[in-house]
Each structure stands twice: as C-alpha cells, then as structure tokens.
Amino acid sequence: MAEIMSDKTKYELAEELGFAHKVKDGDWGNITTREAGLLVREAIKKAESLMTQQNGRQ
C-alpha cells in the first residue's frame, strides 16, 4: 500500500500539534486516539487549502 502522507509531513504536523516528542523514535503507536484524529484533521485542512490555492492559479 502506498503512503499517502510522508513520515516527514506527519512529524511536522505532530510538531505543530505539540506531540512530536512522542513520535521522535518513529513509533506512532505512542500517540492517543485523540492525537491521531487531530493529525488527520490537520492534514485534511492543509490538503484542502493546497487544493484551493492550486485551483485559484488555473
């Protein structure tokens, strides 16, 4: 299965959301369900924003 979001992007989002210290070793099993939800929500917001910007350029 192909990755939709790179580990670098996930880590950057975790930094923004304040729980990057839990995933420094690459173990995403250390985050809570709430944190995982916040990560997904933030990724969706960023993707929607990028799509809006790209559509505005066309």
N, C-alpha and C. Protein backbone atom coordinates (compact mmCIF):
# COMPACT_ATOMS: atom_id res chain seq x y z
N MET A 1 0.84 -1.19 0.00
CA MET A 1 0.00 0.00 0.00
C MET A 1 0.88 1.25 0.00
N ALA A 2 0.59 2.16 -0.87
CA ALA A 2 1.37 3.39 -0.98
C ALA A 2 1.04 4.34 0.15
N GLU A 3 2.07 5.05 0.60
CA GLU A 3 1.85 6.06 1.64
C GLU A 3 1.20 7.28 1.03
N ILE A 4 0.21 7.79 1.73
CA ILE A 4 -0.47 8.99 1.27
C ILE A 4 0.25 10.23 1.79
N MET A 5 0.81 10.11 2.99
CA MET A 5 1.48 11.23 3.61
C MET A 5 2.85 10.76 4.09
N SER A 6 3.88 11.51 3.77
CA SER A 6 5.23 11.10 4.17
C SER A 6 5.40 11.19 5.68
N ASP A 7 6.36 10.43 6.20
CA ASP A 7 6.66 10.49 7.63
C ASP A 7 7.11 11.89 8.03
N LYS A 8 7.83 12.55 7.13
CA LYS A 8 8.29 13.92 7.41
C LYS A 8 7.10 14.85 7.61
N THR A 9 6.10 14.74 6.75
CA THR A 9 4.91 15.58 6.85
C THR A 9 4.15 15.27 8.14
N LYS A 10 4.01 13.99 8.44
CA LYS A 10 3.32 13.60 9.68
C LYS A 10 4.06 14.16 10.90
N TYR A 11 5.37 14.07 10.90
CA TYR A 11 6.15 14.58 12.02
C TYR A 11 6.01 16.10 12.14
N GLU A 12 6.02 16.81 11.01
CA GLU A 12 5.84 18.27 11.04
C GLU A 12 4.48 18.64 11.62
N LEU A 13 3.45 17.90 11.25
CA LEU A 13 2.12 18.14 11.81
C LEU A 13 2.11 17.84 13.30
N ALA A 14 2.76 16.76 13.70
CA ALA A 14 2.84 16.42 15.13
C ALA A 14 3.55 17.52 15.90
N GLU A 15 4.58 18.12 15.30
CA GLU A 15 5.26 19.25 15.94
C GLU A 15 4.30 20.42 16.13
N GLU A 16 3.56 20.75 15.09
CA GLU A 16 2.60 21.85 15.17
C GLU A 16 1.53 21.60 16.23
N LEU A 17 1.16 20.33 16.39
CA LEU A 17 0.10 19.97 17.31
C LEU A 17 0.61 19.70 18.72
N GLY A 18 1.93 19.68 18.90
CA GLY A 18 2.51 19.59 20.24
C GLY A 18 2.77 18.19 20.77
N PHE A 19 2.80 17.18 19.92
CA PHE A 19 3.11 15.85 20.44
C PHE A 19 4.22 15.14 19.67
N ALA A 20 5.08 15.91 19.03
CA ALA A 20 6.19 15.32 18.27
C ALA A 20 7.14 14.54 19.17
N HIS A 21 7.24 14.93 20.44
CA HIS A 21 8.13 14.23 21.36
C HIS A 21 7.74 12.76 21.52
N LYS A 22 6.48 12.43 21.26
CA LYS A 22 6.01 11.05 21.40
C LYS A 22 6.40 10.19 20.21
N VAL A 23 6.73 10.81 19.08
CA VAL A 23 7.00 10.04 17.86
C VAL A 23 8.42 10.23 17.34
N LYS A 24 9.29 10.81 18.14
CA LYS A 24 10.67 11.04 17.70
C LYS A 24 11.36 9.76 17.26
N ASP A 25 11.03 8.65 17.90
CA ASP A 25 11.67 7.37 17.56
C ASP A 25 10.97 6.65 16.42
N GLY A 26 9.96 7.30 15.83
CA GLY A 26 9.23 6.71 14.72
C GLY A 26 8.11 5.79 15.12
N ASP A 27 7.86 5.67 16.42
CA ASP A 27 6.79 4.80 16.92
C ASP A 27 5.50 5.59 17.07
N TRP A 28 4.65 5.51 16.06
CA TRP A 28 3.39 6.25 16.08
C TRP A 28 2.36 5.58 16.99
N GLY A 29 2.68 4.43 17.55
CA GLY A 29 1.80 3.76 18.49
C GLY A 29 1.74 4.44 19.84
N ASN A 30 2.61 5.42 20.06
CA ASN A 30 2.63 6.14 21.33
C ASN A 30 1.64 7.29 21.41
N ILE A 31 0.98 7.62 20.30
CA ILE A 31 0.03 8.73 20.34
C ILE A 31 -1.36 8.23 20.71
N THR A 32 -2.16 9.13 21.26
CA THR A 32 -3.52 8.78 21.64
C THR A 32 -4.44 8.81 20.42
N THR A 33 -5.61 8.24 20.59
CA THR A 33 -6.61 8.28 19.52
C THR A 33 -6.97 9.73 19.20
N ARG A 34 -7.08 10.55 20.23
CA ARG A 34 -7.39 11.97 20.02
C ARG A 34 -6.30 12.65 19.19
N GLU A 35 -5.04 12.39 19.52
CA GLU A 35 -3.93 12.99 18.77
C GLU A 35 -3.92 12.51 17.32
N ALA A 36 -4.22 11.24 17.11
CA ALA A 36 -4.30 10.72 15.74
C ALA A 36 -5.40 11.43 14.97
N GLY A 37 -6.54 11.65 15.62
CA GLY A 37 -7.64 12.38 14.98
C GLY A 37 -7.26 13.80 14.65
N LEU A 38 -6.56 14.46 15.57
CA LEU A 38 -6.10 15.83 15.32
C LEU A 38 -5.14 15.87 14.14
N LEU A 39 -4.27 14.87 14.06
CA LEU A 39 -3.31 14.79 12.95
C LEU A 39 -4.03 14.66 11.62
N VAL A 40 -5.01 13.78 11.58
CA VAL A 40 -5.78 13.58 10.35
C VAL A 40 -6.54 14.85 9.98
N ARG A 41 -7.18 15.46 10.96
CA ARG A 41 -7.95 16.69 10.72
C ARG A 41 -7.05 17.79 10.16
N GLU A 42 -5.86 17.94 10.75
CA GLU A 42 -4.93 18.98 10.29
C GLU A 42 -4.42 18.67 8.88
N ALA A 43 -4.17 17.40 8.59
CA ALA A 43 -3.71 17.01 7.26
C ALA A 43 -4.78 17.31 6.21
N ILE A 44 -6.04 17.05 6.55
CA ILE A 44 -7.14 17.35 5.63
C ILE A 44 -7.24 18.84 5.39
N LYS A 45 -7.13 19.65 6.46
CA LYS A 45 -7.19 21.10 6.29
C LYS A 45 -6.09 21.61 5.38
N LYS A 46 -4.87 21.09 5.58
CA LYS A 46 -3.75 21.52 4.74
C LYS A 46 -3.95 21.10 3.29
N ALA A 47 -4.46 19.89 3.06
CA ALA A 47 -4.71 19.41 1.69
C ALA A 47 -5.79 20.25 1.02
N GLU A 48 -6.86 20.57 1.75
CA GLU A 48 -7.92 21.40 1.18
C GLU A 48 -7.41 22.79 0.84
N SER A 49 -6.58 23.34 1.71
CA SER A 49 -6.01 24.66 1.47
C SER A 49 -5.12 24.65 0.23
N LEU A 50 -4.30 23.61 0.09
CA LEU A 50 -3.43 23.49 -1.07
C LEU A 50 -4.25 23.35 -2.35
N MET A 51 -5.32 22.56 -2.31
CA MET A 51 -6.17 22.39 -3.48
C MET A 51 -6.84 23.71 -3.86
N THR A 52 -7.27 24.47 -2.87
CA THR A 52 -7.90 25.77 -3.14
C THR A 52 -6.89 26.71 -3.81
N GLN A 53 -5.66 26.72 -3.29
CA GLN A 53 -4.62 27.57 -3.88
C GLN A 53 -4.34 27.16 -5.32
N GLN A 54 -4.26 25.87 -5.57
CA GLN A 54 -3.96 25.38 -6.91
C GLN A 54 -5.09 25.69 -7.87
N ASN A 55 -6.33 25.58 -7.41
CA ASN A 55 -7.47 25.89 -8.27
C ASN A 55 -7.54 27.38 -8.59
N GLY A 56 -7.07 28.22 -7.68
CA GLY A 56 -7.07 29.64 -7.90
C GLY A 56 -6.05 30.08 -8.94
N ARG A 57 -5.04 29.27 -9.16
CA ARG A 57 -4.00 29.60 -10.12
C ARG A 57 -4.36 29.23 -11.54
N GLN A 58 -5.36 28.39 -11.71
CA GLN A 58 -5.70 27.91 -13.04
C GLN A 58 -6.59 28.87 -13.78
